[in-house]
PDB file of N, CA and C in Angstrom:
ATOM      1  N   UNK A   1      -0.746  17.383  -0.763  1.00  0.00           N
ATOM      2  CA  UNK A   1       0.598  17.868  -0.585  1.00  0.00           C
ATOM      3  C   UNK A   1       1.567  16.718  -0.824  1.00  0.00           C
ATOM      4  N   UNK A   2       2.636  16.990  -1.524  1.00  0.00           N
ATOM      5  CA  UNK A   2       3.629  15.982  -1.869  1.00  0.00           C
ATOM      6  C   UNK A   2       4.964  16.349  -1.241  1.00  0.00           C
ATOM      7  N   UNK A   3       5.793  15.344  -1.053  1.00  0.00           N
ATOM      8  CA  UNK A   3       7.143  15.519  -0.552  1.00  0.00           C
ATOM      9  C   UNK A   3       8.088  15.162  -1.692  1.00  0.00           C
ATOM     10  N   UNK A   4       8.851  16.126  -2.184  1.00  0.00           N
ATOM     11  CA  UNK A   4       9.700  15.904  -3.360  1.00  0.00           C
ATOM     12  C   UNK A   4      10.806  14.887  -3.108  1.00  0.00           C
ATOM     13  N   UNK A   5      11.113  14.598  -1.842  1.00  0.00           N
ATOM     14  CA  UNK A   5      12.131  13.597  -1.513  1.00  0.00           C
ATOM     15  C   UNK A   5      11.541  12.194  -1.354  1.00  0.00           C
ATOM     16  N   UNK A   6      10.223  12.077  -1.423  1.00  0.00           N
ATOM     17  CA  UNK A   6       9.536  10.813  -1.168  1.00  0.00           C
ATOM     18  C   UNK A   6       9.365  10.012  -2.457  1.00  0.00           C
ATOM     19  N   UNK A   7       9.841   8.763  -2.442  1.00  0.00           N
ATOM     20  CA  UNK A   7       9.721   7.900  -3.616  1.00  0.00           C
ATOM     21  C   UNK A   7       8.267   7.736  -4.049  1.00  0.00           C
ATOM     22  N   UNK A   8       7.363   7.497  -3.109  1.00  0.00           N
ATOM     23  CA  UNK A   8       5.969   7.261  -3.485  1.00  0.00           C
ATOM     24  C   UNK A   8       5.305   8.535  -3.998  1.00  0.00           C
ATOM     25  N   UNK A   9       5.675   9.690  -3.473  1.00  0.00           N
ATOM     26  CA  UNK A   9       5.161  10.949  -4.023  1.00  0.00           C
ATOM     27  C   UNK A   9       5.652  11.126  -5.459  1.00  0.00           C
ATOM     28  N   UNK A  10       6.896  10.734  -5.722  1.00  0.00           N
ATOM     29  CA  UNK A  10       7.428  10.836  -7.087  1.00  0.00           C
ATOM     30  C   UNK A  10       6.728   9.850  -8.022  1.00  0.00           C
ATOM     31  N   UNK A  11       6.362   8.670  -7.505  1.00  0.00           N
ATOM     32  CA  UNK A  11       5.563   7.720  -8.298  1.00  0.00           C
ATOM     33  C   UNK A  11       4.201   8.331  -8.598  1.00  0.00           C
ATOM     34  N   UNK A  12       3.559   8.902  -7.590  1.00  0.00           N
ATOM     35  CA  UNK A  12       2.247   9.519  -7.782  1.00  0.00           C
ATOM     36  C   UNK A  12       2.301  10.667  -8.787  1.00  0.00           C
ATOM     37  N   UNK A  13       3.397  11.400  -8.816  1.00  0.00           N
ATOM     38  CA  UNK A  13       3.567  12.506  -9.765  1.00  0.00           C
ATOM     39  C   UNK A  13       3.946  12.041 -11.160  1.00  0.00           C
ATOM     40  N   UNK A  14       4.232  10.741 -11.326  1.00  0.00           N
ATOM     41  CA  UNK A  14       4.623  10.216 -12.629  1.00  0.00           C
ATOM     42  C   UNK A  14       6.102  10.376 -12.922  1.00  0.00           C
ATOM     43  N   UNK A  15       6.894  10.794 -11.940  1.00  0.00           N
ATOM     44  CA  UNK A  15       8.333  10.976 -12.138  1.00  0.00           C
ATOM     45  C   UNK A  15       9.100   9.665 -12.072  1.00  0.00           C
ATOM     46  N   UNK A  16       8.538   8.673 -11.396  1.00  0.00           N
ATOM     47  CA  UNK A  16       9.141   7.346 -11.266  1.00  0.00           C
ATOM     48  C   UNK A  16       8.111   6.346 -11.779  1.00  0.00           C
ATOM     49  N   UNK A  17       8.528   5.430 -12.673  1.00  0.00           N
ATOM     50  CA  UNK A  17       7.561   4.483 -13.230  1.00  0.00           C
ATOM     51  C   UNK A  17       7.087   3.461 -12.194  1.00  0.00           C
ATOM     52  N   UNK A  18       5.867   2.982 -12.409  1.00  0.00           N
ATOM     53  CA  UNK A  18       5.283   1.930 -11.583  1.00  0.00           C
ATOM     54  C   UNK A  18       4.305   1.155 -12.446  1.00  0.00           C
ATOM     55  N   UNK A  19       3.932  -0.024 -11.960  1.00  0.00           N
ATOM     56  CA  UNK A  19       2.945  -0.841 -12.658  1.00  0.00           C
ATOM     57  C   UNK A  19       1.622  -0.711 -11.918  1.00  0.00           C
ATOM     58  N   UNK A  20       0.720   0.086 -12.493  1.00  0.00           N
ATOM     59  CA  UNK A  20      -0.567   0.352 -11.862  1.00  0.00           C
ATOM     60  C   UNK A  20      -1.434  -0.900 -11.816  1.00  0.00           C
ATOM     61  N   UNK A  21      -2.085  -1.077 -10.670  1.00  0.00           N
ATOM     62  CA  UNK A  21      -3.077  -2.131 -10.505  1.00  0.00           C
ATOM     63  C   UNK A  21      -4.463  -1.505 -10.419  1.00  0.00           C
ATOM     64  N   UNK A  22      -4.573  -0.394  -9.677  1.00  0.00           N
ATOM     65  CA  UNK A  22      -5.860   0.267  -9.487  1.00  0.00           C
ATOM     66  C   UNK A  22      -5.611   1.713  -9.067  1.00  0.00           C
ATOM     67  N   UNK A  23      -6.458   2.591  -9.543  1.00  0.00           N
ATOM     68  CA  UNK A  23      -6.334   3.998  -9.190  1.00  0.00           C
ATOM     69  C   UNK A  23      -7.712   4.530  -8.810  1.00  0.00           C
ATOM     70  N   UNK A  24      -7.769   5.282  -7.707  1.00  0.00           N
ATOM     71  CA  UNK A  24      -9.012   5.924  -7.284  1.00  0.00           C
ATOM     72  C   UNK A  24      -8.722   7.405  -7.073  1.00  0.00           C
ATOM     73  N   UNK A  25      -9.739   8.133  -6.711  1.00  0.00           N
ATOM     74  CA  UNK A  25      -9.562   9.558  -6.449  1.00  0.00           C
ATOM     75  C   UNK A  25      -8.521   9.808  -5.367  1.00  0.00           C
ATOM     76  N   UNK A  26      -8.542   9.007  -4.310  1.00  0.00           N
ATOM     77  CA  UNK A  26      -7.668   9.248  -3.180  1.00  0.00           C
ATOM     78  C   UNK A  26      -6.520   8.281  -3.005  1.00  0.00           C
ATOM     79  N   UNK A  27      -6.475   7.207  -3.835  1.00  0.00           N
ATOM     80  CA  UNK A  27      -5.429   6.192  -3.664  1.00  0.00           C
ATOM     81  C   UNK A  27      -4.852   5.761  -5.005  1.00  0.00           C
ATOM     82  N   UNK A  28      -3.698   5.128  -4.904  1.00  0.00           N
ATOM     83  CA  UNK A  28      -3.052   4.543  -6.078  1.00  0.00           C
ATOM     84  C   UNK A  28      -2.467   3.212  -5.637  1.00  0.00           C
ATOM     85  N   UNK A  29      -2.745   2.140  -6.373  1.00  0.00           N
ATOM     86  CA  UNK A  29      -2.231   0.810  -6.067  1.00  0.00           C
ATOM     87  C   UNK A  29      -1.316   0.356  -7.200  1.00  0.00           C
ATOM     88  N   UNK A  30      -0.146  -0.146  -6.818  1.00  0.00           N
ATOM     89  CA  UNK A  30       0.844  -0.571  -7.817  1.00  0.00           C
ATOM     90  C   UNK A  30       1.619  -1.771  -7.299  1.00  0.00           C
ATOM     91  N   UNK A  31       2.227  -2.510  -8.223  1.00  0.00           N
ATOM     92  CA  UNK A  31       2.970  -3.716  -7.868  1.00  0.00           C
ATOM     93  C   UNK A  31       4.271  -3.366  -7.147  1.00  0.00           C
ATOM     94  N   UNK A  32       4.562  -4.126  -6.090  1.00  0.00           N
ATOM     95  CA  UNK A  32       5.824  -3.962  -5.372  1.00  0.00           C
ATOM     96  C   UNK A  32       6.955  -4.461  -6.269  1.00  0.00           C
ATOM     97  N   UNK A  33       8.053  -3.731  -6.325  1.00  0.00           N
ATOM     98  CA  UNK A  33       9.173  -4.130  -7.190  1.00  0.00           C
ATOM     99  C   UNK A  33       9.962  -5.295  -6.611  1.00  0.00           C
ATOM    100  N   UNK A  34       9.802  -5.573  -5.313  1.00  0.00           N
ATOM    101  CA  UNK A  34      10.438  -6.720  -4.667  1.00  0.00           C
ATOM    102  C   UNK A  34       9.364  -7.538  -3.960  1.00  0.00           C
ATOM    103  N   UNK A  35       8.542  -8.264  -4.733  1.00  0.00           N
ATOM    104  CA  UNK A  35       7.385  -8.938  -4.134  1.00  0.00           C
ATOM    105  C   UNK A  35       7.778 -10.022  -3.132  1.00  0.00           C
ATOM    106  N   UNK A  36       7.028 -10.070  -2.034  1.00  0.00           N
ATOM    107  CA  UNK A  36       7.219 -11.078  -1.003  1.00  0.00           C
ATOM    108  C   UNK A  36       6.203 -12.213  -1.132  1.00  0.00           C
ATOM    109  N   UNK A  37       5.328 -12.130  -2.130  1.00  0.00           N
ATOM    110  CA  UNK A  37       4.294 -13.137  -2.381  1.00  0.00           C
ATOM    111  C   UNK A  37       3.893 -13.008  -3.848  1.00  0.00           C
ATOM    112  N   UNK A  38       3.224 -14.035  -4.397  1.00  0.00           N
ATOM    113  CA  UNK A  38       2.791 -13.934  -5.800  1.00  0.00           C
ATOM    114  C   UNK A  38       1.960 -12.682  -6.084  1.00  0.00           C
ATOM    115  N   UNK A  39       1.118 -12.291  -5.128  1.00  0.00           N
ATOM    116  CA  UNK A  39       0.405 -11.017  -5.210  1.00  0.00           C
ATOM    117  C   UNK A  39       1.025 -10.117  -4.151  1.00  0.00           C
ATOM    118  N   UNK A  40       1.613  -9.018  -4.580  1.00  0.00           N
ATOM    119  CA  UNK A  40       2.175  -8.038  -3.639  1.00  0.00           C
ATOM    120  C   UNK A  40       1.979  -6.662  -4.253  1.00  0.00           C
ATOM    121  N   UNK A  41       0.940  -6.001  -3.780  1.00  0.00           N
ATOM    122  CA  UNK A  41       0.545  -4.698  -4.304  1.00  0.00           C
ATOM    123  C   UNK A  41       0.584  -3.704  -3.152  1.00  0.00           C
ATOM    124  N   UNK A  42       1.061  -2.503  -3.438  1.00  0.00           N
ATOM    125  CA  UNK A  42       1.090  -1.431  -2.451  1.00  0.00           C
ATOM    126  C   UNK A  42      -0.040  -0.459  -2.736  1.00  0.00           C
ATOM    127  N   UNK A  43      -0.766  -0.079  -1.705  1.00  0.00           N
ATOM    128  CA  UNK A  43      -1.832   0.923  -1.814  1.00  0.00           C
ATOM    129  C   UNK A  43      -1.363   2.144  -1.050  1.00  0.00           C
ATOM    130  N   UNK A  44      -1.257   3.275  -1.752  1.00  0.00           N
ATOM    131  CA  UNK A  44      -0.791   4.515  -1.114  1.00  0.00           C
ATOM    132  C   UNK A  44      -1.851   5.596  -1.255  1.00  0.00           C
ATOM    133  N   UNK A  45      -1.941   6.475  -0.259  1.00  0.00           N
ATOM    134  CA  UNK A  45      -2.837   7.621  -0.413  1.00  0.00           C
ATOM    135  C   UNK A  45      -2.182   8.653  -1.328  1.00  0.00           C
ATOM    136  N   UNK A  46      -2.989   9.448  -1.986  1.00  0.00           N
ATOM    137  CA  UNK A  46      -2.464  10.486  -2.876  1.00  0.00           C
ATOM    138  C   UNK A  46      -1.928  11.692  -2.112  1.00  0.00           C
ATOM    139  N   UNK A  47      -2.180  11.749  -0.825  1.00  0.00           N
ATOM    140  CA  UNK A  47      -1.579  12.792  -0.003  1.00  0.00           C
ATOM    141  C   UNK A  47      -0.443  12.173   0.795  1.00  0.00           C
ATOM    142  N   UNK A  48       0.559  12.967   1.113  1.00  0.00           N
ATOM    143  CA  UNK A  48       1.711  12.458   1.850  1.00  0.00           C
ATOM    144  C   UNK A  48       1.406  12.407   3.345  1.00  0.00           C
ATOM    145  N   UNK A  49       1.411  11.189   3.867  1.00  0.00           N
ATOM    146  CA  UNK A  49       1.336  10.923   5.304  1.00  0.00           C
ATOM    147  C   UNK A  49       2.539  10.030   5.575  1.00  0.00           C
ATOM    148  N   UNK A  50       3.414  10.384   6.506  1.00  0.00           N
ATOM    149  CA  UNK A  50       4.669   9.651   6.670  1.00  0.00           C
ATOM    150  C   UNK A  50       4.519   8.154   6.979  1.00  0.00           C
ATOM    151  N   UNK A  51       3.574   7.785   7.814  1.00  0.00           N
ATOM    152  CA  UNK A  51       3.375   6.381   8.183  1.00  0.00           C
ATOM    153  C   UNK A  51       2.097   6.272   9.018  1.00  0.00           C
ATOM    154  N   UNK A  52       1.700   5.051   9.324  1.00  0.00           N
ATOM    155  CA  UNK A  52       0.443   4.835  10.046  1.00  0.00           C
ATOM    156  C   UNK A  52       0.458   5.480  11.428  1.00  0.00           C
ATOM    157  N   UNK A  53       1.631   5.604  12.042  1.00  0.00           N
ATOM    158  CA  UNK A  53       1.726   6.226  13.348  1.00  0.00           C
ATOM    159  C   UNK A  53       1.446   7.722  13.325  1.00  0.00           C
ATOM    160  N   UNK A  54       1.453   8.310  12.133  1.00  0.00           N
ATOM    161  CA  UNK A  54       1.185   9.743  11.992  1.00  0.00           C
ATOM    162  C   UNK A  54      -0.268  10.036  11.644  1.00  0.00           C
ATOM    163  N   UNK A  55      -1.095   9.000  11.528  1.00  0.00           N
ATOM    164  CA  UNK A  55      -2.507   9.210  11.202  1.00  0.00           C
ATOM    165  C   UNK A  55      -3.212   9.955  12.322  1.00  0.00           C
ATOM    166  N   UNK A  56      -4.134  10.833  11.923  1.00  0.00           N
ATOM    167  CA  UNK A  56      -4.955  11.593  12.867  1.00  0.00           C
ATOM    168  C   UNK A  56      -6.416  11.267  12.596  1.00  0.00           C
ATOM    169  N   UNK A  57      -7.284  11.638  13.485  1.00  0.00           N
ATOM    170  CA  UNK A  57      -8.714  11.362  13.326  1.00  0.00           C
ATOM    171  C   UNK A  57      -9.228  11.909  11.994  1.00  0.00           C
ATOM    172  N   UNK A  58      -8.719  13.054  11.578  1.00  0.00           N
ATOM    173  CA  UNK A  58      -9.196  13.651  10.324  1.00  0.00           C
ATOM    174  C   UNK A  58      -8.724  12.896   9.074  1.00  0.00           C
ATOM    175  N   UNK A  59      -7.861  11.886   9.258  1.00  0.00           N
ATOM    176  CA  UNK A  59      -7.405  11.053   8.138  1.00  0.00           C
ATOM    177  C   UNK A  59      -8.266   9.805   7.964  1.00  0.00           C
ATOM    178  N   UNK A  60      -9.354   9.699   8.706  1.00  0.00           N
ATOM    179  CA  UNK A  60     -10.176   8.488   8.687  1.00  0.00           C
ATOM    180  C   UNK A  60     -10.665   8.133   7.284  1.00  0.00           C
ATOM    181  N   UNK A  61     -11.083   9.114   6.512  1.00  0.00           N
ATOM    182  CA  UNK A  61     -11.574   8.826   5.161  1.00  0.00           C
ATOM    183  C   UNK A  61     -10.466   8.333   4.249  1.00  0.00           C
ATOM    184  N   UNK A  62      -9.255   8.857   4.424  1.00  0.00           N
ATOM    185  CA  UNK A  62      -8.104   8.389   3.639  1.00  0.00           C
ATOM    186  C   UNK A  62      -7.858   6.915   3.936  1.00  0.00           C
ATOM    187  N   UNK A  63      -7.830   6.575   5.212  1.00  0.00           N
ATOM    188  CA  UNK A  63      -7.584   5.189   5.607  1.00  0.00           C
ATOM    189  C   UNK A  63      -8.703   4.273   5.122  1.00  0.00           C
ATOM    190  N   UNK A  64      -9.935   4.717   5.223  1.00  0.00           N
ATOM    191  CA  UNK A  64     -11.063   3.912   4.744  1.00  0.00           C
ATOM    192  C   UNK A  64     -10.945   3.663   3.248  1.00  0.00           C
ATOM    193  N   UNK A  65     -10.547   4.680   2.485  1.00  0.00           N
ATOM    194  CA  UNK A  65     -10.390   4.488   1.041  1.00  0.00           C
ATOM    195  C   UNK A  65      -9.235   3.542   0.732  1.00  0.00           C
ATOM    196  N   UNK A  66      -8.175   3.594   1.530  1.00  0.00           N
ATOM    197  CA  UNK A  66      -7.065   2.660   1.324  1.00  0.00           C
ATOM    198  C   UNK A  66      -7.534   1.214   1.518  1.00  0.00           C
ATOM    199  N   UNK A  67      -8.326   0.957   2.556  1.00  0.00           N
ATOM    200  CA  UNK A  67      -8.813  -0.398   2.805  1.00  0.00           C
ATOM    201  C   UNK A  67      -9.817  -0.829   1.736  1.00  0.00           C
ATOM    202  N   UNK A  68     -10.627   0.071   1.261  1.00  0.00           N
ATOM    203  CA  UNK A  68     -11.555  -0.239   0.176  1.00  0.00           C
ATOM    204  C   UNK A  68     -10.784  -0.573  -1.101  1.00  0.00           C
ATOM    205  N   UNK A  69      -9.757   0.210  -1.397  1.00  0.00           N
ATOM    206  CA  UNK A  69      -8.915  -0.068  -2.572  1.00  0.00           C
ATOM    207  C   UNK A  69      -8.235  -1.419  -2.422  1.00  0.00           C
ATOM    208  N   UNK A  70      -7.742  -1.720  -1.215  1.00  0.00           N
ATOM    209  CA  UNK A  70      -7.084  -3.012  -0.973  1.00  0.00           C
ATOM    210  C   UNK A  70      -8.040  -4.172  -1.246  1.00  0.00           C
ATOM    211  N   UNK A  71      -9.289  -4.034  -0.822  1.00  0.00           N
ATOM    212  CA  UNK A  71     -10.281  -5.084  -1.092  1.00  0.00           C
ATOM    213  C   UNK A  71     -10.502  -5.238  -2.591  1.00  0.00           C
ATOM    214  N   UNK A  72     -10.592  -4.127  -3.308  1.00  0.00           N
ATOM    215  CA  UNK A  72     -10.780  -4.176  -4.761  1.00  0.00           C
ATOM    216  C   UNK A  72      -9.564  -4.771  -5.460  1.00  0.00           C
ATOM    217  N   UNK A  73      -8.369  -4.479  -4.935  1.00  0.00           N
ATOM    218  CA  UNK A  73      -7.148  -5.093  -5.477  1.00  0.00           C
ATOM    219  C   UNK A  73      -7.202  -6.604  -5.266  1.00  0.00           C
ATOM    220  N   UNK A  74      -7.573  -7.045  -4.066  1.00  0.00           N
ATOM    221  CA  UNK A  74      -7.666  -8.477  -3.784  1.00  0.00           C
ATOM    222  C   UNK A  74      -8.639  -9.147  -4.747  1.00  0.00           C
ATOM    223  N   UNK A  75      -9.752  -8.496  -5.031  1.00  0.00           N
ATOM    224  CA  UNK A  75     -10.722  -9.052  -5.981  1.00  0.00           C
ATOM    225  C   UNK A  75     -10.128  -9.126  -7.383  1.00  0.00           C
ATOM    226  N   UNK A  76      -9.489  -8.057  -7.828  1.00  0.00           N
ATOM    227  CA  UNK A  76      -8.948  -8.031  -9.192  1.00  0.00           C
ATOM    228  C   UNK A  76      -7.775  -8.985  -9.356  1.00  0.00           C
ATOM    229  N   UNK A  77      -7.073  -9.276  -8.254  1.00  0.00           N
ATOM    230  CA  UNK A  77      -5.924 -10.188  -8.307  1.00  0.00           C
ATOM    231  C   UNK A  77      -6.315 -11.643  -8.035  1.00  0.00           C
ATOM    232  N   UNK A  78      -7.604 -11.891  -7.779  1.00  0.00           N
ATOM    233  CA  UNK A  78      -8.092 -13.251  -7.608  1.00  0.00           C
ATOM    234  C   UNK A  78      -7.836 -13.880  -6.247  1.00  0.00           C
ATOM    235  N   UNK A  79      -7.598 -13.051  -5.221  1.00  0.00           N
ATOM    236  CA  UNK A  79      -7.334 -13.607  -3.891  1.00  0.00           C
ATOM    237  C   UNK A  79      -8.385 -13.223  -2.859  1.00  0.00           C
ATOM    238  N   UNK A  80      -9.462 -12.593  -3.302  1.00  0.00           N
ATOM    239  CA  UNK A  80     -10.502 -12.148  -2.371  1.00  0.00           C
ATOM    240  C   UNK A  80     -11.097 -13.323  -1.598  1.00  0.00           C
ATOM    241  N   UNK A  81     -11.383 -14.410  -2.271  1.00  0.00           N
ATOM    242  CA  UNK A  81     -12.010 -15.570  -1.623  1.00  0.00           C
ATOM    243  C   UNK A  81     -10.995 -16.462  -0.914  1.00  0.00           C
ATOM    244  N   UNK A  82      -9.799 -16.646  -1.489  1.00  0.00           N
ATOM    245  CA  UNK A  82      -8.812 -17.547  -0.890  1.00  0.00           C
ATOM    246  C   UNK A  82      -8.111 -16.929   0.308  1.00  0.00           C
ATOM    247  N   UNK A  83      -8.078 -15.608   0.350  1.00  0.00           N
ATOM    248  CA  UNK A  83      -7.476 -14.913   1.485  1.00  0.00           C
ATOM    249  C   UNK A  83      -6.269 -14.090   1.089  1.00  0.00           C
ATOM    250  N   UNK A  84      -6.043 -13.043   1.861  1.00  0.00           N
ATOM    251  CA  UNK A  84      -4.921 -12.153   1.611  1.00  0.00           C
ATOM    252  C   UNK A  84      -4.548 -11.489   2.927  1.00  0.00           C
ATOM    253  N   UNK A  85      -3.353 -10.951   2.967  1.00  0.00           N
ATOM    254  CA  UNK A  85      -2.863 -10.282   4.171  1.00  0.00           C
ATOM    255  C   UNK A  85      -2.705  -8.800   3.873  1.00  0.00           C
ATOM    256  N   UNK A  86      -3.090  -7.959   4.836  1.00  0.00           N
ATOM    257  CA  UNK A  86      -2.879  -6.517   4.753  1.00  0.00           C
ATOM    258  C   UNK A  86      -1.863  -6.152   5.821  1.00  0.00           C
ATOM    259  N   UNK A  87      -0.825  -5.387   5.429  1.00  0.00           N
ATOM    260  CA  UNK A  87       0.250  -5.046   6.349  1.00  0.00           C
ATOM    261  C   UNK A  87       0.555  -3.556   6.274  1.00  0.00           C
ATOM    262  N   UNK A  88       0.617  -2.921   7.443  1.00  0.00           N
ATOM    263  CA  UNK A  88       1.103  -1.547   7.589  1.00  0.00           C
ATOM    264  C   UNK A  88       2.366  -1.613   8.446  1.00  0.00           C
ATOM    265  N   UNK A  89       3.468  -1.087   7.964  1.00  0.00           N
ATOM    266  CA  UNK A  89       4.714  -1.064   8.720  1.00  0.00           C
ATOM    267  C   UNK A  89       4.993   0.352   9.207  1.00  0.00           C
ATOM    268  N   UNK A  90       5.479   0.454  10.447  1.00  0.00           N
ATOM    269  CA  UNK A  90       5.829   1.757  11.022  1.00  0.00           C
ATOM    270  C   UNK A  90       7.235   1.651  11.604  1.00  0.00           C
ATOM    271  N   UNK A  91       8.149   2.441  11.086  1.00  0.00           N
ATOM    272  CA  UNK A  91       9.493   2.549  11.658  1.00  0.00           C
ATOM    273  C   UNK A  91      10.504   1.556  11.124  1.00  0.00           C
ATOM    274  N   UNK A  92      11.745   1.810  11.497  1.00  0.00           N
ATOM    275  CA  UNK A  92      12.870   1.012  11.014  1.00  0.00           C
ATOM    276  C   UNK A  92      12.801  -0.450  11.436  1.00  0.00           C
ATOM    277  N   UNK A  93      12.400  -0.723  12.676  1.00  0.00           N
ATOM    278  CA  UNK A  93      12.341  -2.106  13.150  1.00  0.00           C
ATOM    279  C   UNK A  93      11.315  -2.934  12.389  1.00  0.00           C
ATOM    280  N   UNK A  94      10.332  -2.280  11.805  1.00  0.00           N
ATOM    281  CA  UNK A  94       9.319  -2.974  10.994  1.00  0.00           C
ATOM    282  C   UNK A  94       9.728  -3.020   9.522  1.00  0.00           C
ATOM    283  N   UNK A  95      10.930  -2.506   9.228  1.00  0.00           N
ATOM    284  CA  UNK A  95      11.469  -2.468   7.863  1.00  0.00           C
ATOM    285  C   UNK A  95      10.660  -1.564   6.943  1.00  0.00           C
ATOM    286  N   UNK A  96      10.151  -0.476   7.500  1.00  0.00           N
ATOM    287  CA  UNK A  96       9.446   0.512   6.683  1.00  0.00           C
ATOM    288  C   UNK A  96      10.492   1.341   5.946  1.00  0.00           C
ATOM    289  N   UNK A  97      10.685   1.061   4.668  1.00  0.00           N
ATOM    290  CA  UNK A  97      11.785   1.682   3.925  1.00  0.00           C
ATOM    291  C   UNK A  97      11.378   2.958   3.195  1.00  0.00           C
ATOM    292  N   UNK A  98      10.096   3.197   3.003  1.00  0.00           N
ATOM    293  CA  UNK A  98       9.638   4.415   2.328  1.00  0.00           C
ATOM    294  C   UNK A  98       8.724   5.172   3.286  1.00  0.00           C
ATOM    295  N   UNK A  99       9.109   6.385   3.674  1.00  0.00           N
ATOM    296  CA  UNK A  99       8.316   7.143   4.635  1.00  0.00           C
ATOM    297  C   UNK A  99       7.091   7.815   4.004  1.00  0.00           C
ATOM    298  N   UNK A 100       6.192   6.992   3.504  1.00  0.00           N
ATOM    299  CA  UNK A 100       4.900   7.422   2.952  1.00  0.00           C
ATOM    300  C   UNK A 100       3.946   6.292   3.304  1.00  0.00           C
ATOM    301  N   UNK A 101       2.852   6.606   3.960  1.00  0.00           N
ATOM    302  CA  UNK A 101       1.885   5.587   4.355  1.00  0.00           C
ATOM    303  C   UNK A 101       1.586   4.670   3.180  1.00  0.00           C
ATOM    304  N   UNK A 102       1.699   3.371   3.409  1.00  0.00           N
ATOM    305  CA  UNK A 102       1.353   2.410   2.370  1.00  0.00           C
ATOM    306  C   UNK A 102       0.881   1.106   3.004  1.00  0.00           C
ATOM    307  N   UNK A 103      -0.056   0.494   2.335  1.00  0.00           N
ATOM    308  CA  UNK A 103      -0.681  -0.747   2.770  1.00  0.00           C
ATOM    309  C   UNK A 103      -0.267  -1.840   1.800  1.00  0.00           C
ATOM    310  N   UNK A 104       0.372  -2.890   2.326  1.00  0.00           N
ATOM    311  CA  UNK A 104       0.760  -4.034   1.503  1.00  0.00           C
ATOM    312  C   UNK A 104      -0.436  -4.971   1.380  1.00  0.00           C
ATOM    313  N   UNK A 105      -0.748  -5.379   0.164  1.00  0.00           N
ATOM    314  CA  UNK A 105      -1.753  -6.413  -0.095  1.00  0.00           C
ATOM    315  C   UNK A 105      -0.972  -7.631  -0.572  1.00  0.00           C
ATOM    316  N   UNK A 106      -0.958  -8.696   0.241  1.00  0.00           N
ATOM    317  CA  UNK A 106      -0.177  -9.893  -0.049  1.00  0.00           C
ATOM    318  C   UNK A 106      -1.100 -11.090  -0.176  1.00  0.00           C
ATOM    319  N   UNK A 107      -0.856 -11.915  -1.174  1.00  0.00           N
ATOM    320  CA  UNK A 107      -1.675 -13.109  -1.347  1.00  0.00           C
ATOM    321  C   UNK A 107      -1.123 -14.004  -2.430  1.00  0.00           C
ATOM    322  N   UNK A 108      -1.925 -14.989  -2.791  1.00  0.00           N
ATOM    323  CA  UNK A 108      -1.532 -15.916  -3.844  1.00  0.00           C
ATOM    324  C   UNK A 108      -0.822 -17.162  -3.335  1.00  0.00           C
ATOM    325  N   UNK A 109      -0.650 -17.253  -2.034  1.00  0.00           N
ATOM    326  CA  UNK A 109      -0.084 -18.447  -1.403  1.00  0.00           C
ATOM    327  C   UNK A 109      -0.498 -18.443   0.058  1.00  0.00           C
ATOM    328  N   UNK A 110      -0.365 -19.593   0.688  1.00  0.00           N
ATOM    329  CA  UNK A 110      -0.680 -19.692   2.121  1.00  0.00           C
ATOM    330  C   UNK A 110       0.387 -18.932   2.902  1.00  0.00           C
ATOM    331  N   UNK A 111      -0.035 -18.072   3.798  1.00  0.00           N
ATOM    332  CA  UNK A 111       0.876 -17.254   4.585  1.00  0.00           C
ATOM    333  C   UNK A 111       1.253 -17.981   5.877  1.00  0.00           C
ATOM    334  N   UNK A 112       2.495 -17.841   6.289  1.00  0.00           N
ATOM    335  CA  UNK A 112       2.950 -18.420   7.540  1.00  0.00           C
ATOM    336  C   UNK A 112       2.744 -17.461   8.697  1.00  0.00           C
ATOM    337  N   UNK A 113       2.890 -18.015   9.904  1.00  0.00           N
ATOM    338  CA  UNK A 113       2.828 -17.173  11.091  1.00  0.00           C
ATOM    339  C   UNK A 113       3.920 -17.620  12.034  1.00  0.00           C
ATOM    340  N   UNK A 114       4.685 -16.773  12.621  1.00  0.00           N
ATOM    341  CA  UNK A 114       4.569 -15.324  12.446  1.00  0.00           C
ATOM    342  C   UNK A 114       5.088 -14.905  11.080  1.00  0.00           C
ATOM    343  N   UNK A 115       4.641 -13.727  10.615  1.00  0.00           N
ATOM    344  CA  UNK A 115       5.100 -13.255   9.311  1.00  0.00           C
ATOM    345  C   UNK A 115       6.602 -13.061   9.343  1.00  0.00           C
ATOM    346  N   UNK A 116       7.227 -13.257   8.253  1.00  0.00           N
ATOM    347  CA  UNK A 116       8.662 -13.052   8.258  1.00  0.00           C
ATOM    348  C   UNK A 116       9.232 -13.333   6.966  1.00  0.00           C
TER     349      UNK A 116
END
């Protein structure tokens, strides 16, 4: 199910262009248009889930495929061994700007703590 008002659903439908990194049956990974690191790829499920806080037990396979895709993205981007960060944002205070579940894959440089 897609949400016609959702940017990521429109990307998945091909209505908005994106730079594909990896595509699976249940996920799509593409480059972030405003990267926060040399490697910044977003992994989204092909079904519309508003955010991580809306996940239910029956979404376990979707989430597992997202993490598997993220690992494959890290490998294809050359950061699997050096390290990478996975980030899920929920809500306005976390700066979640697109209400479609998405996993940030960040890498290519040493990450600071706290993130910011």
